[in-house]
Amino acid sequence: MVNKTFFKKTLSLGFASLLSFGSAHASLIDPTGDISGLDLHWGVTESNSLQAYNESQGISVADDQIFVDFLLGENLFVGDLNQGVKHSNSGLSLTEGYYNSHLLHFDPIGTAKGSIENIEVSFEEDIVAIILGGEYLNFSDLQLGGSGTTYENRISRRLESHDYFTLNSSRTLVFDELKVGQYWIDEARIITRSVPEPGSLSMLGLGLLGLVGFSMRRKK
């Protein structure tokens, strides 16, 4: 007699594992490079251009586990001009699902102030949410950050009220203007929906068939 509870648990675990595996591809178009092992404290990883990195991919998130400053359909809409925030206090959060995380990092070379305008960043999947306040960035580093990456732990890593961005389309952000003070950095974490690759769906089907076959053998 097959253990039905065991089969249900195994089937669920197999489905989740295959879905996560199939979603683990990079979705940021033209990333700056690999974020793994980088030190992103102020004054360490510098550039006069906006740096864009893929972070954790295909991450499973539970309801109300990750808080965000901007959430699609709540306070984020295509075509709207948005400002940064002084503090993260929206109370908005991701719903249960699988997500990809990406970090935008602006730290001009040297100790001078810096600014950039009209920078477009595109993704292969739809943008779901944006984290750009220091508090929510710090809270989400552990789950959404890169492997071995060291992050600035001060809340000065945020986008503030003098920083502007537009959700230009479902998969494109335009940073209309970013300004950084002498000892500050600008960062934003962009969350996109994780979508399984076509090949992973075939793997998923094979995995489920294998689990069913395993169940039938146990019955015999």
N, C-alpha and C. Protein backbone atom coordinates (compact mmCIF):
# COMPACT_ATOMS: atom_id res chain seq x y z
N MET A 1 0.86 -1.20 0.00
CA MET A 1 0.00 0.00 0.00
C MET A 1 0.89 1.24 0.00
N VAL A 2 0.63 2.16 -0.93
CA VAL A 2 1.42 3.38 -1.00
C VAL A 2 1.00 4.33 0.10
N ASN A 3 1.95 5.03 0.65
CA ASN A 3 1.70 6.05 1.66
C ASN A 3 1.26 7.33 0.95
N LYS A 4 -0.04 7.66 1.00
CA LYS A 4 -0.57 8.81 0.27
C LYS A 4 0.03 10.12 0.76
N THR A 5 0.23 10.24 2.05
CA THR A 5 0.81 11.46 2.59
C THR A 5 2.22 11.67 2.07
N PHE A 6 2.98 10.57 2.04
CA PHE A 6 4.35 10.63 1.52
C PHE A 6 4.34 11.05 0.05
N PHE A 7 3.41 10.48 -0.73
CA PHE A 7 3.34 10.78 -2.16
C PHE A 7 3.00 12.25 -2.38
N LYS A 8 2.02 12.77 -1.63
CA LYS A 8 1.63 14.17 -1.79
C LYS A 8 2.79 15.10 -1.45
N LYS A 9 3.50 14.81 -0.39
CA LYS A 9 4.63 15.65 0.02
C LYS A 9 5.74 15.60 -1.03
N THR A 10 6.02 14.40 -1.53
CA THR A 10 7.07 14.24 -2.53
C THR A 10 6.71 14.96 -3.81
N LEU A 11 5.44 14.84 -4.21
CA LEU A 11 4.97 15.51 -5.42
C LEU A 11 5.10 17.02 -5.29
N SER A 12 4.72 17.55 -4.11
CA SER A 12 4.81 18.99 -3.87
C SER A 12 6.24 19.47 -3.90
N LEU A 13 7.14 18.73 -3.24
CA LEU A 13 8.54 19.12 -3.21
C LEU A 13 9.16 19.05 -4.59
N GLY A 14 8.79 18.02 -5.35
CA GLY A 14 9.33 17.89 -6.70
C GLY A 14 8.90 19.03 -7.58
N PHE A 15 7.64 19.41 -7.49
CA PHE A 15 7.11 20.53 -8.28
C PHE A 15 7.83 21.82 -7.93
N ALA A 16 7.97 22.11 -6.64
CA ALA A 16 8.62 23.35 -6.21
C ALA A 16 10.07 23.41 -6.63
N SER A 17 10.78 22.29 -6.50
CA SER A 17 12.19 22.27 -6.85
C SER A 17 12.41 22.50 -8.33
N LEU A 18 11.59 21.85 -9.17
CA LEU A 18 11.73 22.01 -10.61
C LEU A 18 11.37 23.42 -11.04
N LEU A 19 10.35 24.00 -10.44
CA LEU A 19 9.96 25.35 -10.81
C LEU A 19 11.05 26.34 -10.44
N SER A 20 11.61 26.18 -9.25
CA SER A 20 12.69 27.08 -8.83
C SER A 20 13.90 26.93 -9.74
N PHE A 21 14.25 25.71 -10.09
CA PHE A 21 15.39 25.45 -10.97
C PHE A 21 15.17 26.08 -12.33
N GLY A 22 13.96 25.94 -12.86
CA GLY A 22 13.67 26.46 -14.19
C GLY A 22 13.62 27.97 -14.25
N SER A 23 13.54 28.65 -13.10
CA SER A 23 13.44 30.10 -13.08
C SER A 23 14.77 30.76 -12.76
N ALA A 24 15.83 29.99 -12.67
CA ALA A 24 17.09 30.52 -12.16
C ALA A 24 17.97 31.16 -13.23
N HIS A 25 17.35 31.72 -14.28
CA HIS A 25 18.14 32.40 -15.30
C HIS A 25 18.11 33.90 -15.07
N ALA A 26 19.14 34.59 -15.56
CA ALA A 26 19.22 36.04 -15.38
C ALA A 26 18.21 36.73 -16.27
N SER A 27 17.50 37.75 -15.72
CA SER A 27 16.47 38.42 -16.51
C SER A 27 16.76 39.89 -16.73
N LEU A 28 17.84 40.42 -16.19
CA LEU A 28 18.22 41.80 -16.45
C LEU A 28 18.92 41.88 -17.80
N ILE A 29 18.44 42.74 -18.68
CA ILE A 29 19.05 42.88 -19.99
C ILE A 29 20.31 43.75 -19.86
N ASP A 30 21.43 43.26 -20.38
CA ASP A 30 22.73 43.94 -20.33
C ASP A 30 23.17 44.29 -18.89
N PRO A 31 23.32 43.28 -18.03
CA PRO A 31 23.81 43.56 -16.67
C PRO A 31 25.25 44.04 -16.68
N THR A 32 25.64 44.76 -15.64
CA THR A 32 27.01 45.27 -15.52
C THR A 32 28.01 44.14 -15.33
N GLY A 33 27.62 43.11 -14.60
CA GLY A 33 28.51 41.98 -14.34
C GLY A 33 27.93 41.12 -13.24
N ASP A 34 28.76 40.26 -12.66
CA ASP A 34 28.34 39.34 -11.61
C ASP A 34 28.44 40.04 -10.26
N ILE A 35 27.37 40.02 -9.48
CA ILE A 35 27.34 40.68 -8.19
C ILE A 35 27.96 39.82 -7.08
N SER A 36 28.12 38.53 -7.34
CA SER A 36 28.60 37.60 -6.31
C SER A 36 29.96 38.05 -5.78
N GLY A 37 30.05 38.21 -4.47
CA GLY A 37 31.32 38.55 -3.83
C GLY A 37 31.70 40.01 -3.86
N LEU A 38 30.89 40.87 -4.48
CA LEU A 38 31.21 42.29 -4.55
C LEU A 38 31.04 42.96 -3.19
N ASP A 39 31.84 44.01 -2.95
CA ASP A 39 31.67 44.85 -1.77
C ASP A 39 31.00 46.14 -2.24
N LEU A 40 29.76 46.36 -1.80
CA LEU A 40 28.99 47.51 -2.26
C LEU A 40 28.88 48.61 -1.21
N HIS A 41 29.80 48.60 -0.25
CA HIS A 41 29.90 49.74 0.68
C HIS A 41 30.27 50.99 -0.10
N TRP A 42 29.93 52.15 0.47
CA TRP A 42 30.26 53.42 -0.17
C TRP A 42 31.76 53.50 -0.46
N GLY A 43 32.11 53.95 -1.67
CA GLY A 43 33.50 54.19 -2.04
C GLY A 43 34.28 52.97 -2.48
N VAL A 44 33.66 51.79 -2.57
CA VAL A 44 34.39 50.57 -2.92
C VAL A 44 34.16 50.18 -4.38
N THR A 45 32.91 49.95 -4.75
CA THR A 45 32.59 49.58 -6.13
C THR A 45 32.00 50.81 -6.82
N GLU A 46 32.88 51.62 -7.39
CA GLU A 46 32.48 52.94 -7.90
C GLU A 46 32.40 52.96 -9.44
N SER A 47 31.55 53.85 -9.93
CA SER A 47 31.43 54.10 -11.37
C SER A 47 30.63 55.38 -11.56
N ASN A 48 30.96 56.13 -12.60
CA ASN A 48 30.17 57.32 -12.91
C ASN A 48 28.91 56.98 -13.70
N SER A 49 28.70 55.69 -13.96
CA SER A 49 27.49 55.21 -14.61
C SER A 49 26.66 54.39 -13.62
N LEU A 50 25.39 54.22 -13.92
CA LEU A 50 24.53 53.38 -13.11
C LEU A 50 24.92 51.92 -13.32
N GLN A 51 25.21 51.21 -12.23
CA GLN A 51 25.55 49.79 -12.32
C GLN A 51 24.30 48.95 -12.05
N ALA A 52 24.14 47.88 -12.83
CA ALA A 52 22.93 47.05 -12.72
C ALA A 52 23.35 45.58 -12.60
N TYR A 53 22.86 44.91 -11.57
CA TYR A 53 23.25 43.53 -11.29
C TYR A 53 22.03 42.64 -11.06
N ASN A 54 22.15 41.38 -11.49
CA ASN A 54 21.19 40.36 -11.09
C ASN A 54 21.57 39.86 -9.70
N GLU A 55 20.57 39.70 -8.85
CA GLU A 55 20.79 39.13 -7.52
C GLU A 55 20.19 37.72 -7.50
N SER A 56 19.49 37.37 -6.43
CA SER A 56 18.89 36.04 -6.33
C SER A 56 17.79 35.88 -7.37
N GLN A 57 17.71 34.69 -7.96
CA GLN A 57 16.75 34.40 -9.01
C GLN A 57 15.87 33.21 -8.62
N GLY A 58 14.59 33.27 -8.99
CA GLY A 58 13.68 32.16 -8.70
C GLY A 58 13.47 31.93 -7.22
N ILE A 59 13.43 33.02 -6.44
CA ILE A 59 13.30 32.89 -5.00
C ILE A 59 11.84 32.72 -4.59
N SER A 60 11.57 31.75 -3.74
CA SER A 60 10.23 31.52 -3.22
C SER A 60 9.96 32.48 -2.07
N VAL A 61 8.87 33.23 -2.18
CA VAL A 61 8.51 34.23 -1.17
C VAL A 61 7.11 33.95 -0.66
N ALA A 62 6.93 34.03 0.65
CA ALA A 62 5.62 33.86 1.26
C ALA A 62 4.92 35.22 1.37
N ASP A 63 3.61 35.18 1.59
CA ASP A 63 2.85 36.42 1.77
C ASP A 63 3.45 37.26 2.91
N ASP A 64 3.55 38.57 2.68
CA ASP A 64 3.99 39.53 3.71
C ASP A 64 5.39 39.25 4.24
N GLN A 65 6.20 38.58 3.45
CA GLN A 65 7.57 38.28 3.89
C GLN A 65 8.55 39.36 3.44
N ILE A 66 8.33 39.95 2.26
CA ILE A 66 9.22 40.97 1.72
C ILE A 66 8.42 42.27 1.53
N PHE A 67 8.84 43.33 2.23
CA PHE A 67 8.17 44.61 2.11
C PHE A 67 8.85 45.47 1.04
N VAL A 68 8.02 46.22 0.32
CA VAL A 68 8.50 47.00 -0.83
C VAL A 68 7.96 48.43 -0.73
N ASP A 69 8.66 49.34 -1.37
CA ASP A 69 8.22 50.75 -1.37
C ASP A 69 7.21 51.03 -2.47
N PHE A 70 7.34 50.35 -3.61
CA PHE A 70 6.42 50.52 -4.72
C PHE A 70 5.95 49.14 -5.20
N LEU A 71 4.64 49.00 -5.35
CA LEU A 71 4.05 47.73 -5.75
C LEU A 71 3.12 47.97 -6.94
N LEU A 72 3.30 47.19 -7.99
CA LEU A 72 2.51 47.35 -9.20
C LEU A 72 1.01 47.27 -8.89
N GLY A 73 0.25 48.25 -9.38
CA GLY A 73 -1.18 48.27 -9.16
C GLY A 73 -1.61 48.96 -7.88
N GLU A 74 -0.65 49.23 -6.99
CA GLU A 74 -0.94 49.91 -5.73
C GLU A 74 -0.48 51.38 -5.80
N ASN A 75 0.82 51.58 -5.94
CA ASN A 75 1.37 52.93 -6.10
C ASN A 75 2.39 52.99 -7.23
N LEU A 76 2.38 51.97 -8.08
CA LEU A 76 3.28 51.91 -9.23
C LEU A 76 2.46 51.62 -10.48
N PHE A 77 2.50 52.56 -11.44
CA PHE A 77 1.72 52.43 -12.66
C PHE A 77 2.56 52.87 -13.86
N VAL A 78 2.33 52.24 -14.99
CA VAL A 78 3.04 52.59 -16.21
C VAL A 78 2.76 54.05 -16.58
N GLY A 79 3.84 54.80 -16.84
CA GLY A 79 3.71 56.19 -17.28
C GLY A 79 3.81 57.21 -16.18
N ASP A 80 3.69 56.81 -14.91
CA ASP A 80 3.76 57.77 -13.80
C ASP A 80 5.20 58.11 -13.46
N LEU A 81 5.44 59.39 -13.14
CA LEU A 81 6.74 59.84 -12.62
C LEU A 81 6.73 59.66 -11.11
N ASN A 82 7.75 58.98 -10.57
CA ASN A 82 7.81 58.68 -9.14
C ASN A 82 9.05 59.29 -8.51
N GLN A 83 8.94 59.60 -7.21
CA GLN A 83 10.06 60.11 -6.43
C GLN A 83 10.56 59.05 -5.46
N GLY A 84 11.82 59.21 -5.04
CA GLY A 84 12.34 58.37 -3.99
C GLY A 84 11.70 58.69 -2.65
N VAL A 85 12.12 57.99 -1.62
CA VAL A 85 11.52 58.18 -0.29
C VAL A 85 12.61 58.43 0.75
N LYS A 86 12.24 59.14 1.80
CA LYS A 86 13.18 59.37 2.89
C LYS A 86 13.29 58.14 3.79
N HIS A 87 12.15 57.50 4.03
CA HIS A 87 12.12 56.29 4.85
C HIS A 87 11.14 55.29 4.25
N SER A 88 11.45 54.01 4.41
CA SER A 88 10.55 52.94 3.95
C SER A 88 9.44 52.74 4.98
N ASN A 89 8.22 53.08 4.62
CA ASN A 89 7.09 52.90 5.55
C ASN A 89 5.79 52.65 4.82
N SER A 90 5.85 52.12 3.59
CA SER A 90 4.64 51.91 2.79
C SER A 90 3.74 50.83 3.37
N GLY A 91 4.33 49.80 4.00
CA GLY A 91 3.55 48.67 4.49
C GLY A 91 3.14 47.71 3.38
N LEU A 92 3.56 47.97 2.14
CA LEU A 92 3.23 47.09 1.02
C LEU A 92 4.17 45.89 1.00
N SER A 93 3.69 44.74 0.54
CA SER A 93 4.53 43.54 0.53
C SER A 93 4.20 42.67 -0.67
N LEU A 94 5.14 41.79 -1.01
CA LEU A 94 4.93 40.84 -2.10
C LEU A 94 3.94 39.76 -1.68
N THR A 95 3.18 39.27 -2.64
CA THR A 95 2.32 38.12 -2.39
C THR A 95 3.13 36.84 -2.61
N GLU A 96 2.60 35.73 -2.18
CA GLU A 96 3.29 34.45 -2.32
C GLU A 96 3.59 34.16 -3.79
N GLY A 97 4.82 33.72 -4.05
CA GLY A 97 5.19 33.39 -5.42
C GLY A 97 6.69 33.29 -5.58
N TYR A 98 7.13 33.20 -6.84
CA TYR A 98 8.55 33.12 -7.17
C TYR A 98 8.97 34.42 -7.86
N TYR A 99 10.12 34.96 -7.44
CA TYR A 99 10.55 36.26 -7.93
C TYR A 99 12.05 36.26 -8.25
N ASN A 100 12.43 37.21 -9.13
CA ASN A 100 13.83 37.50 -9.41
C ASN A 100 14.17 38.87 -8.84
N SER A 101 15.38 39.01 -8.32
CA SER A 101 15.80 40.28 -7.72
C SER A 101 16.98 40.86 -8.49
N HIS A 102 17.00 42.19 -8.61
CA HIS A 102 18.05 42.90 -9.35
C HIS A 102 18.38 44.18 -8.59
N LEU A 103 19.66 44.53 -8.54
CA LEU A 103 20.09 45.73 -7.80
C LEU A 103 20.69 46.76 -8.74
N LEU A 104 20.24 48.01 -8.58
CA LEU A 104 20.82 49.15 -9.28
C LEU A 104 21.64 49.94 -8.28
N HIS A 105 22.88 50.27 -8.65
CA HIS A 105 23.86 50.83 -7.72
C HIS A 105 24.55 52.02 -8.38
N PHE A 106 24.47 53.21 -7.74
CA PHE A 106 25.12 54.40 -8.27
C PHE A 106 26.02 55.00 -7.20
N ASP A 107 27.33 54.88 -7.40
CA ASP A 107 28.34 55.40 -6.48
C ASP A 107 29.45 56.03 -7.32
N PRO A 108 29.37 57.35 -7.58
CA PRO A 108 30.35 58.02 -8.45
C PRO A 108 31.79 57.87 -7.94
N ILE A 109 32.73 57.88 -8.85
CA ILE A 109 34.14 57.72 -8.51
C ILE A 109 34.62 58.91 -7.67
N GLY A 110 35.32 58.61 -6.59
CA GLY A 110 35.84 59.66 -5.71
C GLY A 110 34.80 60.11 -4.70
N THR A 111 35.08 61.25 -4.05
CA THR A 111 34.19 61.73 -2.99
C THR A 111 33.30 62.88 -3.44
N ALA A 112 33.36 63.22 -4.73
CA ALA A 112 32.54 64.33 -5.22
C ALA A 112 31.08 63.91 -5.37
N LYS A 113 30.21 64.91 -5.43
CA LYS A 113 28.80 64.64 -5.73
C LYS A 113 28.67 64.18 -7.18
N GLY A 114 27.56 63.52 -7.48
CA GLY A 114 27.37 63.05 -8.84
C GLY A 114 25.89 62.99 -9.21
N SER A 115 25.62 62.98 -10.51
CA SER A 115 24.24 62.86 -10.97
C SER A 115 24.23 62.23 -12.36
N ILE A 116 23.13 61.56 -12.67
CA ILE A 116 22.92 60.99 -14.00
C ILE A 116 21.48 61.23 -14.39
N GLU A 117 21.20 61.23 -15.70
CA GLU A 117 19.85 61.50 -16.18
C GLU A 117 19.47 60.56 -17.31
N ASN A 118 18.17 60.27 -17.38
CA ASN A 118 17.56 59.53 -18.50
C ASN A 118 18.28 58.21 -18.80
N ILE A 119 18.40 57.37 -17.77
CA ILE A 119 19.01 56.05 -17.92
C ILE A 119 17.89 55.01 -17.97
N GLU A 120 17.88 54.20 -19.03
CA GLU A 120 16.86 53.18 -19.20
C GLU A 120 17.40 51.81 -18.83
N VAL A 121 16.63 51.06 -18.04
CA VAL A 121 17.01 49.71 -17.62
C VAL A 121 15.85 48.77 -17.98
N SER A 122 16.15 47.68 -18.70
CA SER A 122 15.10 46.78 -19.17
C SER A 122 15.30 45.37 -18.63
N PHE A 123 14.18 44.64 -18.52
CA PHE A 123 14.17 43.30 -17.97
C PHE A 123 13.41 42.36 -18.91
N GLU A 124 13.67 41.06 -18.78
CA GLU A 124 13.01 40.06 -19.61
C GLU A 124 11.65 39.65 -19.06
N GLU A 125 11.41 39.94 -17.77
CA GLU A 125 10.11 39.65 -17.17
C GLU A 125 9.48 40.93 -16.65
N ASP A 126 8.20 40.85 -16.31
CA ASP A 126 7.46 42.02 -15.85
C ASP A 126 7.96 42.49 -14.48
N ILE A 127 8.04 43.79 -14.32
CA ILE A 127 8.41 44.40 -13.04
C ILE A 127 7.21 44.35 -12.10
N VAL A 128 7.44 43.85 -10.89
CA VAL A 128 6.37 43.68 -9.92
C VAL A 128 6.46 44.73 -8.81
N ALA A 129 7.67 45.01 -8.36
CA ALA A 129 7.84 45.90 -7.20
C ALA A 129 9.23 46.52 -7.21
N ILE A 130 9.37 47.58 -6.41
CA ILE A 130 10.66 48.29 -6.29
C ILE A 130 10.91 48.59 -4.81
N ILE A 131 12.12 48.29 -4.38
CA ILE A 131 12.56 48.64 -3.02
C ILE A 131 13.66 49.69 -3.16
N LEU A 132 13.46 50.88 -2.58
CA LEU A 132 14.48 51.91 -2.73
C LEU A 132 14.73 52.72 -1.45
N GLY A 133 14.04 52.37 -0.37
CA GLY A 133 14.31 52.98 0.92
C GLY A 133 15.32 52.15 1.68
N GLY A 134 16.18 52.80 2.45
CA GLY A 134 17.25 52.09 3.14
C GLY A 134 16.78 51.00 4.07
N GLU A 135 15.66 51.23 4.78
CA GLU A 135 15.17 50.24 5.73
C GLU A 135 14.76 48.94 5.03
N TYR A 136 13.94 49.05 3.98
CA TYR A 136 13.48 47.85 3.27
C TYR A 136 14.62 47.20 2.49
N LEU A 137 15.57 47.98 2.00
CA LEU A 137 16.74 47.40 1.34
C LEU A 137 17.52 46.54 2.33
N ASN A 138 17.79 47.08 3.51
CA ASN A 138 18.53 46.34 4.52
C ASN A 138 17.81 45.05 4.91
N PHE A 139 16.49 45.13 5.09
CA PHE A 139 15.71 43.97 5.52
C PHE A 139 15.69 42.86 4.47
N SER A 140 15.78 43.24 3.19
CA SER A 140 15.65 42.24 2.12
C SER A 140 16.99 41.72 1.60
N ASP A 141 18.11 42.25 2.09
CA ASP A 141 19.43 41.81 1.62
C ASP A 141 19.64 40.32 1.79
N LEU A 142 19.26 39.79 2.94
CA LEU A 142 19.56 38.40 3.26
C LEU A 142 18.86 37.45 2.30
N GLN A 143 17.61 37.70 1.98
CA GLN A 143 16.86 36.77 1.14
C GLN A 143 17.05 37.05 -0.35
N LEU A 144 17.17 38.32 -0.73
CA LEU A 144 17.19 38.66 -2.15
C LEU A 144 18.58 39.03 -2.67
N GLY A 145 19.55 39.19 -1.78
CA GLY A 145 20.88 39.64 -2.19
C GLY A 145 21.70 38.60 -2.92
N GLY A 146 22.83 39.04 -3.48
CA GLY A 146 23.73 38.16 -4.20
C GLY A 146 24.54 37.28 -3.26
N SER A 147 25.05 36.19 -3.80
CA SER A 147 25.84 35.24 -3.01
C SER A 147 27.19 35.85 -2.62
N GLY A 148 27.43 35.96 -1.33
CA GLY A 148 28.70 36.49 -0.84
C GLY A 148 28.87 37.99 -1.02
N THR A 149 27.81 38.69 -1.40
CA THR A 149 27.88 40.13 -1.61
C THR A 149 27.79 40.87 -0.28
N THR A 150 28.61 41.90 -0.12
CA THR A 150 28.58 42.74 1.08
C THR A 150 27.87 44.04 0.75
N TYR A 151 26.82 44.35 1.50
CA TYR A 151 26.00 45.52 1.22
C TYR A 151 26.24 46.63 2.25
N GLU A 152 26.05 47.86 1.81
CA GLU A 152 26.07 49.00 2.73
C GLU A 152 24.91 48.84 3.70
N ASN A 153 25.18 48.97 5.01
CA ASN A 153 24.13 48.74 5.99
C ASN A 153 23.53 50.02 6.55
N ARG A 154 23.95 51.17 6.03
CA ARG A 154 23.32 52.43 6.44
C ARG A 154 22.12 52.71 5.54
N ILE A 155 21.14 53.45 6.07
CA ILE A 155 19.95 53.72 5.27
C ILE A 155 20.21 54.81 4.23
N SER A 156 21.43 55.36 4.22
CA SER A 156 21.79 56.38 3.22
C SER A 156 21.95 55.79 1.82
N ARG A 157 21.76 54.49 1.67
CA ARG A 157 21.87 53.85 0.36
C ARG A 157 20.60 54.03 -0.47
N ARG A 158 19.67 54.79 -0.03
CA ARG A 158 18.34 54.90 -0.64
C ARG A 158 18.29 55.87 -1.83
N LEU A 159 17.15 55.82 -2.55
CA LEU A 159 16.76 56.86 -3.48
C LEU A 159 15.86 57.83 -2.72
N GLU A 160 16.16 59.13 -2.82
CA GLU A 160 15.44 60.13 -2.03
C GLU A 160 14.48 60.94 -2.88
N SER A 161 13.90 61.99 -2.26
CA SER A 161 12.87 62.77 -2.93
C SER A 161 13.38 63.57 -4.12
N HIS A 162 14.71 63.76 -4.21
CA HIS A 162 15.26 64.45 -5.38
C HIS A 162 15.65 63.47 -6.49
N ASP A 163 15.35 62.20 -6.30
CA ASP A 163 15.59 61.17 -7.32
C ASP A 163 14.25 60.80 -7.97
N TYR A 164 14.24 60.70 -9.30
CA TYR A 164 13.00 60.47 -10.03
C TYR A 164 13.14 59.29 -11.00
N PHE A 165 12.06 58.50 -11.10
CA PHE A 165 12.06 57.39 -12.05
C PHE A 165 10.65 57.19 -12.60
N THR A 166 10.57 56.56 -13.77
CA THR A 166 9.29 56.29 -14.44
C THR A 166 9.24 54.83 -14.86
N LEU A 167 8.12 54.17 -14.59
CA LEU A 167 7.88 52.84 -15.15
C LEU A 167 7.41 53.06 -16.58
N ASN A 168 8.34 52.96 -17.52
CA ASN A 168 8.07 53.33 -18.90
C ASN A 168 7.20 52.30 -19.63
N SER A 169 7.37 51.02 -19.24
CA SER A 169 6.54 49.93 -19.74
C SER A 169 6.57 48.83 -18.69
N SER A 170 5.89 47.74 -18.94
CA SER A 170 5.83 46.68 -17.93
C SER A 170 7.21 46.09 -17.62
N ARG A 171 8.18 46.28 -18.53
CA ARG A 171 9.50 45.69 -18.34
C ARG A 171 10.64 46.71 -18.43
N THR A 172 10.33 47.98 -18.41
CA THR A 172 11.36 49.00 -18.59
C THR A 172 11.20 50.14 -17.57
N LEU A 173 12.29 50.48 -16.92
CA LEU A 173 12.35 51.63 -16.02
C LEU A 173 13.24 52.70 -16.63
N VAL A 174 12.85 53.95 -16.47
CA VAL A 174 13.70 55.07 -16.86
C VAL A 174 13.99 55.89 -15.60
N PHE A 175 15.28 56.05 -15.31
CA PHE A 175 15.67 56.89 -14.19
C PHE A 175 15.91 58.29 -14.73
N ASP A 176 14.89 59.13 -14.52
CA ASP A 176 14.91 60.47 -15.09
C ASP A 176 16.04 61.30 -14.50
N GLU A 177 16.28 61.15 -13.20
CA GLU A 177 17.38 61.88 -12.56
C GLU A 177 17.74 61.22 -11.23
N LEU A 178 19.02 60.99 -11.03
CA LEU A 178 19.55 60.50 -9.77
C LEU A 178 20.66 61.43 -9.31
N LYS A 179 20.60 61.85 -8.06
CA LYS A 179 21.63 62.73 -7.49
C LYS A 179 22.19 62.09 -6.23
N VAL A 180 23.51 62.10 -6.10
CA VAL A 180 24.18 61.49 -4.95
C VAL A 180 25.03 62.54 -4.25
N GLY A 181 24.91 62.60 -2.91
CA GLY A 181 25.74 63.51 -2.12
C GLY A 181 27.16 62.98 -1.98
N GLN A 182 27.97 63.71 -1.26
CA GLN A 182 29.40 63.41 -1.19
C GLN A 182 29.72 62.06 -0.58
N TYR A 183 28.97 61.64 0.43
CA TYR A 183 29.26 60.38 1.11
C TYR A 183 28.07 59.42 1.06
N TRP A 184 27.32 59.46 -0.02
CA TRP A 184 26.12 58.66 -0.14
C TRP A 184 26.17 57.81 -1.40
N ILE A 185 25.31 56.81 -1.46
CA ILE A 185 25.11 56.04 -2.69
C ILE A 185 23.61 55.95 -2.96
N ASP A 186 23.25 55.75 -4.21
CA ASP A 186 21.86 55.49 -4.59
C ASP A 186 21.72 54.02 -4.96
N GLU A 187 20.72 53.36 -4.37
CA GLU A 187 20.45 51.97 -4.72
C GLU A 187 18.95 51.74 -4.82
N ALA A 188 18.58 50.82 -5.70
CA ALA A 188 17.19 50.38 -5.81
C ALA A 188 17.19 48.90 -6.14
N ARG A 189 16.30 48.17 -5.50
CA ARG A 189 16.16 46.73 -5.78
C ARG A 189 14.87 46.55 -6.59
N ILE A 190 15.02 45.99 -7.79
CA ILE A 190 13.89 45.80 -8.69
C ILE A 190 13.47 44.33 -8.64
N ILE A 191 12.19 44.08 -8.38
CA ILE A 191 11.68 42.72 -8.27
C ILE A 191 10.85 42.41 -9.51
N THR A 192 11.20 41.32 -10.20
CA THR A 192 10.42 40.89 -11.36
C THR A 192 9.81 39.52 -11.09
N ARG A 193 8.75 39.24 -11.81
CA ARG A 193 8.08 37.93 -11.68
C ARG A 193 8.96 36.86 -12.30
N SER A 194 9.18 35.77 -11.59
CA SER A 194 10.00 34.68 -12.09
C SER A 194 9.14 33.75 -12.95
N VAL A 195 9.53 33.59 -14.21
CA VAL A 195 8.78 32.77 -15.15
C VAL A 195 9.65 31.59 -15.58
N PRO A 196 9.16 30.34 -15.46
CA PRO A 196 9.97 29.18 -15.86
C PRO A 196 10.33 29.23 -17.34
N GLU A 197 11.56 28.82 -17.67
CA GLU A 197 11.96 28.72 -19.06
C GLU A 197 11.19 27.58 -19.73
N PRO A 198 10.95 27.65 -21.06
CA PRO A 198 10.21 26.59 -21.75
C PRO A 198 10.79 25.20 -21.51
N GLY A 199 12.13 25.08 -21.50
CA GLY A 199 12.76 23.78 -21.29
C GLY A 199 12.47 23.23 -19.91
N SER A 200 12.30 24.11 -18.94
CA SER A 200 12.07 23.65 -17.57
C SER A 200 10.67 23.05 -17.42
N LEU A 201 9.72 23.50 -18.27
CA LEU A 201 8.39 22.92 -18.20
C LEU A 201 8.41 21.46 -18.62
N SER A 202 9.26 21.13 -19.62
CA SER A 202 9.42 19.74 -20.02
C SER A 202 10.02 18.93 -18.89
N MET A 203 11.03 19.52 -18.23
CA MET A 203 11.65 18.85 -17.09
C MET A 203 10.64 18.64 -15.98
N LEU A 204 9.76 19.65 -15.80
CA LEU A 204 8.73 19.54 -14.77
C LEU A 204 7.81 18.36 -15.06
N GLY A 205 7.39 18.24 -16.33
CA GLY A 205 6.52 17.13 -16.71
C GLY A 205 7.19 15.79 -16.48
N LEU A 206 8.47 15.69 -16.86
CA LEU A 206 9.21 14.45 -16.65
C LEU A 206 9.34 14.14 -15.17
N GLY A 207 9.57 15.18 -14.37
CA GLY A 207 9.70 14.98 -12.93
C GLY A 207 8.42 14.46 -12.32
N LEU A 208 7.28 15.02 -12.73
CA LEU A 208 6.00 14.57 -12.19
C LEU A 208 5.69 13.15 -12.63
N LEU A 209 6.03 12.81 -13.89
CA LEU A 209 5.82 11.45 -14.37
C LEU A 209 6.66 10.46 -13.58
N GLY A 210 7.88 10.90 -13.27
CA GLY A 210 8.76 10.04 -12.49
C GLY A 210 8.19 9.78 -11.11
N LEU A 211 7.59 10.81 -10.49
CA LEU A 211 7.01 10.64 -9.17
C LEU A 211 5.80 9.72 -9.22
N VAL A 212 4.99 9.87 -10.30
CA VAL A 212 3.82 8.99 -10.46
C VAL A 212 4.27 7.56 -10.66
N GLY A 213 5.31 7.36 -11.50
CA GLY A 213 5.84 6.02 -11.72
C GLY A 213 6.36 5.40 -10.43
N PHE A 214 6.99 6.25 -9.62
CA PHE A 214 7.50 5.77 -8.32
C PHE A 214 6.34 5.31 -7.45
N SER A 215 5.24 6.06 -7.47
CA SER A 215 4.07 5.71 -6.66
C SER A 215 3.49 4.37 -7.12
N MET A 216 3.40 4.18 -8.44
CA MET A 216 2.81 2.94 -8.97
C MET A 216 3.66 1.74 -8.60
N ARG A 217 5.00 1.93 -8.64
CA ARG A 217 5.87 0.81 -8.26
C ARG A 217 5.69 0.45 -6.81
N ARG A 218 5.49 1.48 -5.96
CA ARG A 218 5.29 1.18 -4.53
C ARG A 218 3.98 0.44 -4.32
N LYS A 219 2.94 0.74 -5.14
CA LYS A 219 1.68 0.02 -5.01
C LYS A 219 1.84 -1.46 -5.30
N LYS A 220 2.61 -1.74 -6.41
CA LYS A 220 2.83 -3.12 -6.78
C LYS A 220 3.63 -3.87 -5.72
